[in-house]
PDB file of all heavy atoms in Angstrom:
ATOM      1  N   ALA A   1    -120.752 -10.545-101.473  1.00  0.00           N
ATOM      2  CA  ALA A   1    -121.054 -10.148-100.098  1.00  0.00           C
ATOM      3  C   ALA A   1    -121.291 -11.362 -99.204  1.00  0.00           C
ATOM      4  O   ALA A   1    -120.818 -11.414 -98.063  1.00  0.00           O
ATOM      5  CB  ALA A   1    -122.274  -9.234-100.077  1.00  0.00           C
ATOM      6  N   SER A   2    -122.025 -12.358 -99.711  1.00  0.00           N
ATOM      7  CA  SER A   2    -122.345 -13.547 -98.916  1.00  0.00           C
ATOM      8  C   SER A   2    -121.094 -14.347 -98.580  1.00  0.00           C
ATOM      9  O   SER A   2    -120.933 -14.840 -97.456  1.00  0.00           O
ATOM     10  CB  SER A   2    -123.331 -14.438 -99.670  1.00  0.00           C
ATOM     11  OG  SER A   2    -124.584 -13.808 -99.777  1.00  0.00           O
ATOM     12  N   LYS A   3    -120.205 -14.491 -99.544  1.00  0.00           N
ATOM     13  CA  LYS A   3    -118.970 -15.228 -99.282  1.00  0.00           C
ATOM     14  C   LYS A   3    -118.079 -14.482 -98.286  1.00  0.00           C
ATOM     15  O   LYS A   3    -117.425 -15.093 -97.430  1.00  0.00           O
ATOM     16  CB  LYS A   3    -118.227 -15.472-100.596  1.00  0.00           C
ATOM     17  CG  LYS A   3    -118.886 -16.543-101.458  1.00  0.00           C
ATOM     18  CD  LYS A   3    -118.043 -16.912-102.666  1.00  0.00           C
ATOM     19  CE  LYS A   3    -118.656 -18.094-103.408  1.00  0.00           C
ATOM     20  NZ  LYS A   3    -117.863 -18.498-104.594  1.00  0.00           N
ATOM     21  N   GLU A   4    -118.106 -13.175 -98.388  1.00  0.00           N
ATOM     22  CA  GLU A   4    -117.325 -12.356 -97.448  1.00  0.00           C
ATOM     23  C   GLU A   4    -117.794 -12.570 -96.015  1.00  0.00           C
ATOM     24  O   GLU A   4    -116.992 -12.621 -95.078  1.00  0.00           O
ATOM     25  CB  GLU A   4    -117.453 -10.888 -97.834  1.00  0.00           C
ATOM     26  CG  GLU A   4    -116.676  -9.929 -96.963  1.00  0.00           C
ATOM     27  CD  GLU A   4    -116.878  -8.477 -97.377  1.00  0.00           C
ATOM     28  OE1 GLU A   4    -117.003  -8.214 -98.598  1.00  0.00           O
ATOM     29  OE2 GLU A   4    -116.913  -7.603 -96.490  1.00  0.00           O
ATOM     30  N   GLY A   5    -119.116 -12.699 -95.854  1.00  0.00           N
ATOM     31  CA  GLY A   5    -119.667 -12.860 -94.512  1.00  0.00           C
ATOM     32  C   GLY A   5    -119.876 -14.295 -94.086  1.00  0.00           C
ATOM     33  O   GLY A   5    -120.299 -14.553 -92.953  1.00  0.00           O
ATOM     34  N   GLY A   6    -119.600 -15.256 -94.976  1.00  0.00           N
ATOM     35  CA  GLY A   6    -119.814 -16.663 -94.645  1.00  0.00           C
ATOM     36  C   GLY A   6    -121.281 -17.025 -94.525  1.00  0.00           C
ATOM     37  O   GLY A   6    -121.662 -17.933 -93.768  1.00  0.00           O
ATOM     38  N   LYS A   7    -122.128 -16.339 -95.290  1.00  0.00           N
ATOM     39  CA  LYS A   7    -123.568 -16.534 -95.222  1.00  0.00           C
ATOM     40  C   LYS A   7    -124.114 -17.086 -96.539  1.00  0.00           C
ATOM     41  O   LYS A   7    -123.438 -17.077 -97.566  1.00  0.00           O
ATOM     42  CB  LYS A   7    -124.267 -15.206 -94.901  1.00  0.00           C
ATOM     43  CG  LYS A   7    -123.854 -14.579 -93.583  1.00  0.00           C
ATOM     44  CD  LYS A   7    -124.272 -15.434 -92.398  1.00  0.00           C
ATOM     45  CE  LYS A   7    -123.950 -14.742 -91.078  1.00  0.00           C
ATOM     46  NZ  LYS A   7    -124.377 -15.570 -89.914  1.00  0.00           N
ATOM     47  N   ILE A   8    -125.357 -17.550 -96.488  1.00  0.00           N
ATOM     48  CA  ILE A   8    -126.077 -18.008 -97.679  1.00  0.00           C
ATOM     49  C   ILE A   8    -127.088 -16.945 -98.076  1.00  0.00           C
ATOM     50  O   ILE A   8    -127.822 -16.405 -97.235  1.00  0.00           O
ATOM     51  CB  ILE A   8    -126.829 -19.330 -97.413  1.00  0.00           C
ATOM     52  CG1 ILE A   8    -125.860 -20.508 -97.426  1.00  0.00           C
ATOM     53  CG2 ILE A   8    -127.929 -19.563 -98.460  1.00  0.00           C
ATOM     54  CD1 ILE A   8    -125.385 -20.939 -98.797  1.00  0.00           C
ATOM     55  N   SER A   9    -127.139 -16.636 -99.359  1.00  0.00           N
ATOM     56  CA  SER A   9    -128.206 -15.785 -99.893  1.00  0.00           C
ATOM     57  C   SER A   9    -128.875 -16.539-101.027  1.00  0.00           C
ATOM     58  O   SER A   9    -128.219 -17.267-101.786  1.00  0.00           O
ATOM     59  CB  SER A   9    -127.639 -14.458-100.412  1.00  0.00           C
ATOM     60  OG  SER A   9    -126.581 -14.692-101.328  1.00  0.00           O
ATOM     61  N   ILE A  10    -130.187 -16.393-101.124  1.00  0.00           N
ATOM     62  CA  ILE A  10    -130.943 -16.977-102.238  1.00  0.00           C
ATOM     63  C   ILE A  10    -131.737 -15.841-102.862  1.00  0.00           C
ATOM     64  O   ILE A  10    -132.584 -15.225-102.210  1.00  0.00           O
ATOM     65  CB  ILE A  10    -131.879 -18.108-101.792  1.00  0.00           C
ATOM     66  CG1 ILE A  10    -131.136 -19.131-100.926  1.00  0.00           C
ATOM     67  CG2 ILE A  10    -132.475 -18.800-103.017  1.00  0.00           C
ATOM     68  CD1 ILE A  10    -132.002 -20.272-100.424  1.00  0.00           C
ATOM     69  N   ILE A  11    -131.452 -15.547-104.125  1.00  0.00           N
ATOM     70  CA  ILE A  11    -132.067 -14.392-104.775  1.00  0.00           C
ATOM     71  C   ILE A  11    -133.116 -14.830-105.796  1.00  0.00           C
ATOM     72  O   ILE A  11    -133.156 -15.975-106.243  1.00  0.00           O
ATOM     73  CB  ILE A  11    -131.010 -13.514-105.480  1.00  0.00           C
ATOM     74  CG1 ILE A  11    -130.315 -14.282-106.613  1.00  0.00           C
ATOM     75  CG2 ILE A  11    -130.004 -12.972-104.480  1.00  0.00           C
ATOM     76  CD1 ILE A  11    -129.589 -13.403-107.613  1.00  0.00           C
ATOM     77  N   SER A  12    -133.969 -13.865-106.150  1.00  0.00           N
ATOM     78  CA  SER A  12    -134.967 -14.047-107.220  1.00  0.00           C
ATOM     79  C   SER A  12    -135.873 -15.235-106.935  1.00  0.00           C
ATOM     80  O   SER A  12    -136.138 -16.073-107.797  1.00  0.00           O
ATOM     81  CB  SER A  12    -134.271 -14.183-108.582  1.00  0.00           C
ATOM     82  OG  SER A  12    -133.509 -13.021-108.868  1.00  0.00           O
ATOM     83  N   VAL A  13    -136.357 -15.285-105.703  1.00  0.00           N
ATOM     84  CA  VAL A  13    -137.258 -16.348-105.255  1.00  0.00           C
ATOM     85  C   VAL A  13    -138.695 -15.863-105.363  1.00  0.00           C
ATOM     86  O   VAL A  13    -139.028 -14.774-104.908  1.00  0.00           O
ATOM     87  CB  VAL A  13    -136.943 -16.733-103.795  1.00  0.00           C
ATOM     88  CG1 VAL A  13    -138.007 -17.669-103.246  1.00  0.00           C
ATOM     89  CG2 VAL A  13    -135.568 -17.365-103.694  1.00  0.00           C
ATOM     90  N   GLY A  14    -139.524 -16.654-105.968  1.00  0.00           N
ATOM     91  CA  GLY A  14    -140.940 -16.329-106.132  1.00  0.00           C
ATOM     92  C   GLY A  14    -141.522 -17.288-107.147  1.00  0.00           C
ATOM     93  O   GLY A  14    -141.029 -18.401-107.314  1.00  0.00           O
ATOM     94  N   TRP A  15    -142.554 -16.853-107.845  1.00  0.00           N
ATOM     95  CA  TRP A  15    -143.080 -17.765-108.874  1.00  0.00           C
ATOM     96  C   TRP A  15    -142.546 -17.428-110.252  1.00  0.00           C
ATOM     97  O   TRP A  15    -142.421 -18.304-111.097  1.00  0.00           O
ATOM     98  CB  TRP A  15    -144.603 -17.852-108.822  1.00  0.00           C
ATOM     99  CG  TRP A  15    -145.377 -16.577-108.966  1.00  0.00           C
ATOM    100  CD1 TRP A  15    -145.723 -15.714-107.980  1.00  0.00           C
ATOM    101  CD2 TRP A  15    -145.954 -16.056-110.171  1.00  0.00           C
ATOM    102  NE1 TRP A  15    -146.460 -14.669-108.498  1.00  0.00           N
ATOM    103  CE2 TRP A  15    -146.628 -14.869-109.842  1.00  0.00           C
ATOM    104  CE3 TRP A  15    -145.982 -16.496-111.507  1.00  0.00           C
ATOM    105  CZ2 TRP A  15    -147.306 -14.101-110.784  1.00  0.00           C
ATOM    106  CZ3 TRP A  15    -146.660 -15.735-112.440  1.00  0.00           C
ATOM    107  CH2 TRP A  15    -147.307 -14.560-112.073  1.00  0.00           C
ATOM    108  N   ASP A  16    -142.176 -16.167-110.500  1.00  0.00           N
ATOM    109  CA  ASP A  16    -141.404 -15.848-111.696  1.00  0.00           C
ATOM    110  C   ASP A  16    -140.701 -14.512-111.507  1.00  0.00           C
ATOM    111  O   ASP A  16    -141.381 -13.474-111.500  1.00  0.00           O
ATOM    112  CB  ASP A  16    -142.284 -15.814-112.946  1.00  0.00           C
ATOM    113  CG  ASP A  16    -141.450 -15.933-114.213  1.00  0.00           C
ATOM    114  OD1 ASP A  16    -140.215 -16.089-114.095  1.00  0.00           O
ATOM    115  OD2 ASP A  16    -142.016 -15.892-115.310  1.00  0.00           O
ATOM    116  N   PRO A  17    -139.384 -14.535-111.357  1.00  0.00           N
ATOM    117  CA  PRO A  17    -138.515 -15.716-111.382  1.00  0.00           C
ATOM    118  C   PRO A  17    -138.722 -16.589-110.146  1.00  0.00           C
ATOM    119  O   PRO A  17    -139.150 -16.115-109.104  1.00  0.00           O
ATOM    120  CB  PRO A  17    -137.111 -15.110-111.394  1.00  0.00           C
ATOM    121  CG  PRO A  17    -137.275 -13.763-110.752  1.00  0.00           C
ATOM    122  CD  PRO A  17    -138.633 -13.278-111.168  1.00  0.00           C
ATOM    123  N   GLY A  18    -138.402 -17.876-110.315  1.00  0.00           N
ATOM    124  CA  GLY A  18    -138.579 -18.830-109.232  1.00  0.00           C
ATOM    125  C   GLY A  18    -139.154 -20.126-109.756  1.00  0.00           C
ATOM    126  O   GLY A  18    -138.504 -20.858-110.503  1.00  0.00           O
ATOM    127  N   MET A  19    -140.417 -20.422-109.391  1.00  0.00           N
ATOM    128  CA  MET A  19    -141.038 -21.670-109.802  1.00  0.00           C
ATOM    129  C   MET A  19    -141.147 -21.790-111.324  1.00  0.00           C
ATOM    130  O   MET A  19    -140.946 -22.864-111.895  1.00  0.00           O
ATOM    131  CB  MET A  19    -142.432 -21.797-109.170  1.00  0.00           C
ATOM    132  CG  MET A  19    -142.430 -21.873-107.650  1.00  0.00           C
ATOM    133  SD  MET A  19    -141.598 -23.348-107.007  1.00  0.00           S
ATOM    134  CE  MET A  19    -139.951 -22.711-106.701  1.00  0.00           C
ATOM    135  N   PHE A  20    -141.470 -20.684-111.981  1.00  0.00           N
ATOM    136  CA  PHE A  20    -141.523 -20.716-113.444  1.00  0.00           C
ATOM    137  C   PHE A  20    -140.136 -20.992-114.031  1.00  0.00           C
ATOM    138  O   PHE A  20    -140.006 -21.674-115.045  1.00  0.00           O
ATOM    139  CB  PHE A  20    -142.068 -19.389-113.988  1.00  0.00           C
ATOM    140  CG  PHE A  20    -143.569 -19.334-114.079  1.00  0.00           C
ATOM    141  CD1 PHE A  20    -144.370 -20.216-113.383  1.00  0.00           C
ATOM    142  CD2 PHE A  20    -144.198 -18.375-114.876  1.00  0.00           C
ATOM    143  CE1 PHE A  20    -145.760 -20.164-113.472  1.00  0.00           C
ATOM    144  CE2 PHE A  20    -145.580 -18.319-114.978  1.00  0.00           C
ATOM    145  CZ  PHE A  20    -146.361 -19.212-114.271  1.00  0.00           C
ATOM    146  N   SER A  21    -139.108 -20.471-113.394  1.00  0.00           N
ATOM    147  CA  SER A  21    -137.748 -20.683-113.878  1.00  0.00           C
ATOM    148  C   SER A  21    -137.399 -22.170-113.860  1.00  0.00           C
ATOM    149  O   SER A  21    -136.809 -22.702-114.810  1.00  0.00           O
ATOM    150  CB  SER A  21    -136.749 -19.917-113.008  1.00  0.00           C
ATOM    151  OG  SER A  21    -137.136 -18.578-112.840  1.00  0.00           O
ATOM    152  N   VAL A  22    -137.742 -22.845-112.765  1.00  0.00           N
ATOM    153  CA  VAL A  22    -137.471 -24.278-112.639  1.00  0.00           C
ATOM    154  C   VAL A  22    -138.220 -25.057-113.719  1.00  0.00           C
ATOM    155  O   VAL A  22    -137.672 -25.978-114.346  1.00  0.00           O
ATOM    156  CB  VAL A  22    -137.866 -24.778-111.236  1.00  0.00           C
ATOM    157  CG1 VAL A  22    -137.772 -26.297-111.159  1.00  0.00           C
ATOM    158  CG2 VAL A  22    -136.979 -24.133-110.176  1.00  0.00           C
ATOM    159  N   ASN A  23    -139.463 -24.678-113.970  1.00  0.00           N
ATOM    160  CA  ASN A  23    -140.250 -25.386-114.983  1.00  0.00           C
ATOM    161  C   ASN A  23    -139.746 -25.107-116.396  1.00  0.00           C
ATOM    162  O   ASN A  23    -139.840 -25.970-117.270  1.00  0.00           O
ATOM    163  CB  ASN A  23    -141.729 -25.031-114.832  1.00  0.00           C
ATOM    164  CG  ASN A  23    -142.375 -25.816-113.711  1.00  0.00           C
ATOM    165  OD1 ASN A  23    -142.796 -26.946-113.903  1.00  0.00           O
ATOM    166  ND2 ASN A  23    -142.415 -25.234-112.523  1.00  0.00           N
ATOM    167  N   ARG A  24    -139.221 -23.914-116.616  1.00  0.00           N
ATOM    168  CA  ARG A  24    -138.589 -23.648-117.915  1.00  0.00           C
ATOM    169  C   ARG A  24    -137.384 -24.574-118.117  1.00  0.00           C
ATOM    170  O   ARG A  24    -137.171 -25.117-119.206  1.00  0.00           O
ATOM    171  CB  ARG A  24    -138.161 -22.181-118.009  1.00  0.00           C
ATOM    172  CG  ARG A  24    -139.314 -21.220-118.280  1.00  0.00           C
ATOM    173  CD  ARG A  24    -138.818 -19.824-118.631  1.00  0.00           C
ATOM    174  NE  ARG A  24    -138.358 -19.091-117.458  1.00  0.00           N
ATOM    175  CZ  ARG A  24    -139.105 -18.263-116.740  1.00  0.00           C
ATOM    176  NH1 ARG A  24    -140.372 -18.059-117.066  1.00  0.00           N
ATOM    177  NH2 ARG A  24    -138.606 -17.604-115.708  1.00  0.00           N
ATOM    178  N   LEU A  25    -136.606 -24.758-117.047  1.00  0.00           N
ATOM    179  CA  LEU A  25    -135.434 -25.629-117.133  1.00  0.00           C
ATOM    180  C   LEU A  25    -135.845 -27.080-117.374  1.00  0.00           C
ATOM    181  O   LEU A  25    -135.293 -27.755-118.256  1.00  0.00           O
ATOM    182  CB  LEU A  25    -134.615 -25.522-115.845  1.00  0.00           C
ATOM    183  CG  LEU A  25    -133.402 -26.446-115.738  1.00  0.00           C
ATOM    184  CD1 LEU A  25    -132.392 -26.154-116.849  1.00  0.00           C
ATOM    185  CD2 LEU A  25    -132.745 -26.320-114.375  1.00  0.00           C
ATOM    186  N   TYR A  26    -136.819 -27.577-116.616  1.00  0.00           N
ATOM    187  CA  TYR A  26    -137.272 -28.954-116.805  1.00  0.00           C
ATOM    188  C   TYR A  26    -137.778 -29.183-118.230  1.00  0.00           C
ATOM    189  O   TYR A  26    -137.471 -30.188-118.866  1.00  0.00           O
ATOM    190  CB  TYR A  26    -138.391 -29.291-115.804  1.00  0.00           C
ATOM    191  CG  TYR A  26    -137.918 -29.607-114.409  1.00  0.00           C
ATOM    192  CD1 TYR A  26    -138.692 -29.277-113.300  1.00  0.00           C
ATOM    193  CD2 TYR A  26    -136.701 -30.242-114.192  1.00  0.00           C
ATOM    194  CE1 TYR A  26    -138.269 -29.571-112.011  1.00  0.00           C
ATOM    195  CE2 TYR A  26    -136.266 -30.546-112.905  1.00  0.00           C
ATOM    196  CZ  TYR A  26    -137.055 -30.206-111.815  1.00  0.00           C
ATOM    197  OH  TYR A  26    -136.643 -30.502-110.548  1.00  0.00           O
ATOM    198  N   GLY A  27    -138.560 -28.245-118.725  1.00  0.00           N
ATOM    199  CA  GLY A  27    -139.089 -28.392-120.077  1.00  0.00           C
ATOM    200  C   GLY A  27    -137.989 -28.447-121.117  1.00  0.00           C
ATOM    201  O   GLY A  27    -138.027 -29.250-122.061  1.00  0.00           O
ATOM    202  N   GLU A  28    -136.979 -27.614-120.934  1.00  0.00           N
ATOM    203  CA  GLU A  28    -135.888 -27.529-121.905  1.00  0.00           C
ATOM    204  C   GLU A  28    -135.025 -28.783-121.926  1.00  0.00           C
ATOM    205  O   GLU A  28    -134.616 -29.257-122.993  1.00  0.00           O
ATOM    206  CB  GLU A  28    -135.042 -26.306-121.570  1.00  0.00           C
ATOM    207  CG  GLU A  28    -133.975 -25.964-122.582  1.00  0.00           C
ATOM    208  CD  GLU A  28    -133.277 -24.655-122.242  1.00  0.00           C
ATOM    209  OE1 GLU A  28    -133.942 -23.599-122.278  1.00  0.00           O
ATOM    210  OE2 GLU A  28    -132.073 -24.705-121.912  1.00  0.00           O
ATOM    211  N   VAL A  29    -134.741 -29.341-120.746  1.00  0.00           N
ATOM    212  CA  VAL A  29    -133.872 -30.517-120.716  1.00  0.00           C
ATOM    213  C   VAL A  29    -134.599 -31.792-121.135  1.00  0.00           C
ATOM    214  O   VAL A  29    -133.992 -32.714-121.685  1.00  0.00           O
ATOM    215  CB  VAL A  29    -133.223 -30.713-119.323  1.00  0.00           C
ATOM    216  CG1 VAL A  29    -132.377 -29.510-118.956  1.00  0.00           C
ATOM    217  CG2 VAL A  29    -134.267 -30.975-118.244  1.00  0.00           C
ATOM    218  N   ILE A  30    -135.908 -31.849-120.904  1.00  0.00           N
ATOM    219  CA  ILE A  30    -136.674 -33.031-121.284  1.00  0.00           C
ATOM    220  C   ILE A  30    -137.001 -33.009-122.771  1.00  0.00           C
ATOM    221  O   ILE A  30    -136.971 -34.046-123.451  1.00  0.00           O
ATOM    222  CB  ILE A  30    -137.970 -33.115-120.446  1.00  0.00           C
ATOM    223  CG1 ILE A  30    -137.609 -33.363-118.980  1.00  0.00           C
ATOM    224  CG2 ILE A  30    -138.885 -34.223-120.954  1.00  0.00           C
ATOM    225  CD1 ILE A  30    -138.761 -33.156-118.024  1.00  0.00           C
ATOM    226  N   LEU A  31    -137.313 -31.831-123.301  1.00  0.00           N
ATOM    227  CA  LEU A  31    -137.620 -31.674-124.727  1.00  0.00           C
ATOM    228  C   LEU A  31    -136.617 -30.692-125.335  1.00  0.00           C
ATOM    229  O   LEU A  31    -136.936 -29.521-125.558  1.00  0.00           O
ATOM    230  CB  LEU A  31    -139.056 -31.162-124.910  1.00  0.00           C
ATOM    231  CG  LEU A  31    -140.175 -32.100-124.447  1.00  0.00           C
ATOM    232  CD1 LEU A  31    -141.517 -31.393-124.499  1.00  0.00           C
ATOM    233  CD2 LEU A  31    -140.208 -33.361-125.304  1.00  0.00           C
ATOM    234  N   PRO A  32    -135.384 -31.154-125.601  1.00  0.00           N
ATOM    235  CA  PRO A  32    -134.362 -30.226-126.109  1.00  0.00           C
ATOM    236  C   PRO A  32    -134.672 -29.652-127.483  1.00  0.00           C
ATOM    237  O   PRO A  32    -134.171 -28.570-127.821  1.00  0.00           O
ATOM    238  CB  PRO A  32    -133.096 -31.085-126.146  1.00  0.00           C
ATOM    239  CG  PRO A  32    -133.569 -32.491-126.164  1.00  0.00           C
ATOM    240  CD  PRO A  32    -134.852 -32.509-125.396  1.00  0.00           C
ATOM    241  N   VAL A  33    -135.488 -30.340-128.262  1.00  0.00           N
ATOM    242  CA  VAL A  33    -135.909 -29.810-129.560  1.00  0.00           C
ATOM    243  C   VAL A  33    -137.285 -29.195-129.370  1.00  0.00           C
ATOM    244  O   VAL A  33    -138.299 -29.903-129.298  1.00  0.00           O
ATOM    245  CB  VAL A  33    -135.950 -30.907-130.640  1.00  0.00           C
ATOM    246  CG1 VAL A  33    -136.407 -30.315-131.979  1.00  0.00           C
ATOM    247  CG2 VAL A  33    -134.586 -31.569-130.801  1.00  0.00           C
ATOM    248  N   GLY A  34    -137.336 -27.875-129.245  1.00  0.00           N
ATOM    249  CA  GLY A  34    -138.624 -27.232-129.002  1.00  0.00           C
ATOM    250  C   GLY A  34    -138.462 -25.785-128.588  1.00  0.00           C
ATOM    251  O   GLY A  34    -137.384 -25.198-128.722  1.00  0.00           O
ATOM    252  N   SER A  35    -139.528 -25.215-128.076  1.00  0.00           N
ATOM    253  CA  SER A  35    -139.534 -23.807-127.670  1.00  0.00           C
ATOM    254  C   SER A  35    -140.266 -23.663-126.343  1.00  0.00           C
ATOM    255  O   SER A  35    -141.208 -24.403-126.050  1.00  0.00           O
ATOM    256  CB  SER A  35    -140.229 -22.936-128.726  1.00  0.00           C
ATOM    257  OG  SER A  35    -139.565 -23.034-129.972  1.00  0.00           O
ATOM    258  N   THR A  36    -139.815 -22.692-125.545  1.00  0.00           N
ATOM    259  CA  THR A  36    -140.438 -22.408-124.257  1.00  0.00           C
ATOM    260  C   THR A  36    -141.146 -21.062-124.325  1.00  0.00           C
ATOM    261  O   THR A  36    -140.613 -20.093-124.871  1.00  0.00           O
ATOM    262  CB  THR A  36    -139.389 -22.369-123.137  1.00  0.00           C
ATOM    263  OG1 THR A  36    -138.733 -23.639-123.069  1.00  0.00           O
ATOM    264  CG2 THR A  36    -140.041 -22.076-121.793  1.00  0.00           C
ATOM    265  N   TYR A  37    -142.339 -21.011-123.759  1.00  0.00           N
ATOM    266  CA  TYR A  37    -143.140 -19.788-123.747  1.00  0.00           C
ATOM    267  C   TYR A  37    -143.625 -19.535-122.328  1.00  0.00           C
ATOM    268  O   TYR A  37    -144.070 -20.456-121.638  1.00  0.00           O
ATOM    269  CB  TYR A  37    -144.342 -19.918-124.672  1.00  0.00           C
ATOM    270  CG  TYR A  37    -143.989 -20.258-126.097  1.00  0.00           C
ATOM    271  CD1 TYR A  37    -143.863 -21.596-126.497  1.00  0.00           C
ATOM    272  CD2 TYR A  37    -143.784 -19.258-127.050  1.00  0.00           C
ATOM    273  CE1 TYR A  37    -143.537 -21.914-127.809  1.00  0.00           C
ATOM    274  CE2 TYR A  37    -143.458 -19.578-128.362  1.00  0.00           C
ATOM    275  CZ  TYR A  37    -143.333 -20.902-128.737  1.00  0.00           C
ATOM    276  OH  TYR A  37    -143.011 -21.224-130.035  1.00  0.00           O
ATOM    277  N   THR A  38    -143.547 -18.280-121.907  1.00  0.00           N
ATOM    278  CA  THR A  38    -144.077 -17.881-120.611  1.00  0.00           C
ATOM    279  C   THR A  38    -145.099 -16.780-120.802  1.00  0.00           C
ATOM    280  O   THR A  38    -144.836 -15.776-121.470  1.00  0.00           O
ATOM    281  CB  THR A  38    -142.951 -17.380-119.686  1.00  0.00           C
ATOM    282  OG1 THR A  38    -141.941 -18.388-119.560  1.00  0.00           O
ATOM    283  CG2 THR A  38    -143.502 -17.065-118.301  1.00  0.00           C
ATOM    284  N   PHE A  39    -146.271 -17.005-120.238  1.00  0.00           N
ATOM    285  CA  PHE A  39    -147.329 -15.993-120.265  1.00  0.00           C
ATOM    286  C   PHE A  39    -147.698 -15.651-118.819  1.00  0.00           C
ATOM    287  O   PHE A  39    -147.875 -16.546-117.995  1.00  0.00           O
ATOM    288  CB  PHE A  39    -148.572 -16.521-120.987  1.00  0.00           C
ATOM    289  CG  PHE A  39    -148.394 -16.705-122.469  1.00  0.00           C
ATOM    290  CD1 PHE A  39    -147.905 -17.903-122.975  1.00  0.00           C
ATOM    291  CD2 PHE A  39    -148.708 -15.677-123.350  1.00  0.00           C
ATOM    292  CE1 PHE A  39    -147.737 -18.079-124.347  1.00  0.00           C
ATOM    293  CE2 PHE A  39    -148.542 -15.847-124.718  1.00  0.00           C
ATOM    294  CZ  PHE A  39    -148.054 -17.053-125.214  1.00  0.00           C
ATOM    295  N   TRP A  40    -147.803 -14.361-118.539  1.00  0.00           N
ATOM    296  CA  TRP A  40    -148.178 -13.907-117.200  1.00  0.00           C
ATOM    297  C   TRP A  40    -149.555 -13.248-117.248  1.00  0.00           C
ATOM    298  O   TRP A  40    -149.863 -12.497-118.166  1.00  0.00           O
ATOM    299  CB  TRP A  40    -147.172 -12.880-116.678  1.00  0.00           C
ATOM    300  CG  TRP A  40    -145.761 -13.362-116.654  1.00  0.00           C
ATOM    301  CD1 TRP A  40    -145.187 -14.200-115.739  1.00  0.00           C
ATOM    302  CD2 TRP A  40    -144.718 -13.026-117.577  1.00  0.00           C
ATOM    303  NE1 TRP A  40    -143.868 -14.403-116.033  1.00  0.00           N
ATOM    304  CE2 TRP A  40    -143.548 -13.697-117.166  1.00  0.00           C
ATOM    305  CE3 TRP A  40    -144.663 -12.228-118.719  1.00  0.00           C
ATOM    306  CZ2 TRP A  40    -142.347 -13.589-117.841  1.00  0.00           C
ATOM    307  CZ3 TRP A  40    -143.461 -12.120-119.396  1.00  0.00           C
ATOM    308  CH2 TRP A  40    -142.313 -12.798-118.961  1.00  0.00           C
ATOM    309  N   GLY A  41    -150.338 -13.510-116.217  1.00  0.00           N
ATOM    310  CA  GLY A  41    -151.599 -12.794-116.090  1.00  0.00           C
ATOM    311  C   GLY A  41    -152.801 -13.593-116.579  1.00  0.00           C
ATOM    312  O   GLY A  41    -152.686 -14.752-116.912  1.00  0.00           O
ATOM    313  N   LYS A  42    -153.936 -12.905-116.595  1.00  0.00           N
ATOM    314  CA  LYS A  42    -154.120 -11.515-116.237  1.00  0.00           C
ATOM    315  C   LYS A  42    -153.950 -11.341-114.734  1.00  0.00           C
ATOM    316  O   LYS A  42    -154.530 -12.085-113.953  1.00  0.00           O
ATOM    317  CB  LYS A  42    -155.511 -11.030-116.671  1.00  0.00           C
ATOM    318  CG  LYS A  42    -155.790  -9.602-116.297  1.00  0.00           C
ATOM    319  CD  LYS A  42    -157.209  -9.169-116.699  1.00  0.00           C
ATOM    320  CE  LYS A  42    -157.457  -7.718-116.283  1.00  0.00           C
ATOM    321  NZ  LYS A  42    -158.824  -7.274-116.652  1.00  0.00           N
ATOM    322  N   GLY A  43    -153.150 -10.333-114.361  1.00  0.00           N
ATOM    323  CA  GLY A  43    -152.975 -10.105-112.951  1.00  0.00           C
ATOM    324  C   GLY A  43    -152.159  -8.867-112.669  1.00  0.00           C
ATOM    325  O   GLY A  43    -151.568  -8.259-113.564  1.00  0.00           O
ATOM    326  N   ILE A  44    -152.145  -8.503-111.388  1.00  0.00           N
ATOM    327  CA  ILE A  44    -151.420  -7.312-110.950  1.00  0.00           C
ATOM    328  C   ILE A  44    -149.984  -7.692-110.626  1.00  0.00           C
ATOM    329  O   ILE A  44    -149.738  -8.599-109.828  1.00  0.00           O
ATOM    330  CB  ILE A  44    -152.101  -6.683-109.720  1.00  0.00           C
ATOM    331  CG1 ILE A  44    -153.456  -6.093-110.131  1.00  0.00           C
ATOM    332  CG2 ILE A  44    -151.219  -5.612-109.093  1.00  0.00           C
ATOM    333  CD1 ILE A  44    -154.266  -5.546-108.978  1.00  0.00           C
ATOM    334  N   SER A  45    -149.058  -7.011-111.258  1.00  0.00           N
ATOM    335  CA  SER A  45    -147.639  -7.233-110.998  1.00  0.00           C
ATOM    336  C   SER A  45    -147.182  -6.310-109.878  1.00  0.00           C
ATOM    337  O   SER A  45    -147.288  -5.087-109.992  1.00  0.00           O
ATOM    338  CB  SER A  45    -146.815  -6.963-112.259  1.00  0.00           C
ATOM    339  OG  SER A  45    -145.447  -6.901-111.943  1.00  0.00           O
ATOM    340  N   GLN A  46    -146.652  -6.905-108.797  1.00  0.00           N
ATOM    341  CA  GLN A  46    -146.159  -6.085-107.684  1.00  0.00           C
ATOM    342  C   GLN A  46    -144.966  -5.240-108.111  1.00  0.00           C
ATOM    343  O   GLN A  46    -144.878  -4.055-107.789  1.00  0.00           O
ATOM    344  CB  GLN A  46    -145.742  -6.997-106.524  1.00  0.00           C
ATOM    345  CG  GLN A  46    -146.881  -7.783-105.919  1.00  0.00           C
ATOM    346  CD  GLN A  46    -146.381  -8.752-104.866  1.00  0.00           C
ATOM    347  OE1 GLN A  46    -146.357  -8.431-103.685  1.00  0.00           O
ATOM    348  NE2 GLN A  46    -145.973  -9.935-105.275  1.00  0.00           N
TER     349      GLN A  46
END
Protein backbone atom coordinates (compact mmCIF):
# COMPACT_ATOMS: atom_id res chain seq x y z
CA ALA A 1 0.00 0.00 0.00
CA SER A 2 2.79 2.45 0.90
CA LYS A 3 4.65 1.91 -2.35
CA GLU A 4 1.43 2.33 -4.28
CA GLY A 5 0.87 5.71 -2.66
CA GLY A 6 4.52 6.83 -2.59
CA LYS A 7 4.40 7.07 1.20
CA ILE A 8 6.46 5.82 4.15
CA SER A 9 4.95 3.54 6.77
CA ILE A 10 6.70 2.35 9.93
CA ILE A 11 5.00 -0.56 11.66
CA SER A 12 5.31 -2.29 15.04
CA VAL A 13 6.77 0.75 16.77
CA GLY A 14 6.86 0.74 20.55
CA TRP A 15 8.98 -0.86 23.21
CA ASP A 16 8.13 -4.44 22.25
CA PRO A 17 8.04 -4.83 19.37
CA GLY A 18 10.31 -1.84 18.87
CA MET A 19 13.07 -0.93 21.32
CA PHE A 20 13.29 -4.49 22.63
CA SER A 21 13.57 -5.72 19.05
CA VAL A 22 16.60 -3.50 18.40
CA ASN A 23 18.26 -4.70 21.60
CA ARG A 24 17.61 -8.32 20.68
CA LEU A 25 19.39 -7.66 17.38
CA TYR A 26 22.35 -5.91 19.01
CA GLY A 27 22.77 -8.71 21.52
CA GLU A 28 22.67 -11.37 18.83
CA VAL A 29 25.22 -9.76 16.52
CA ILE A 30 27.66 -8.88 19.31
CA LEU A 31 27.41 -12.28 21.03
CA PRO A 32 26.62 -14.73 18.20
CA VAL A 33 27.24 -17.70 20.49
CA GLY A 34 24.50 -17.41 23.08
CA SER A 35 20.79 -17.07 23.76
CA THR A 36 18.35 -14.16 23.92
CA TYR A 37 15.58 -13.93 26.51
CA THR A 38 12.75 -11.44 26.78
CA PHE A 39 10.70 -11.01 29.93
CA TRP A 40 7.72 -8.65 30.13
CA GLY A 41 6.16 -7.23 33.25
CA LYS A 42 4.88 -7.22 35.77
CA GLY A 43 2.56 -4.89 33.97
CA ILE A 44 -0.65 -4.27 32.08
CA SER A 45 -0.54 -5.17 28.41
CA GLN A 46 -2.60 -2.79 26.26
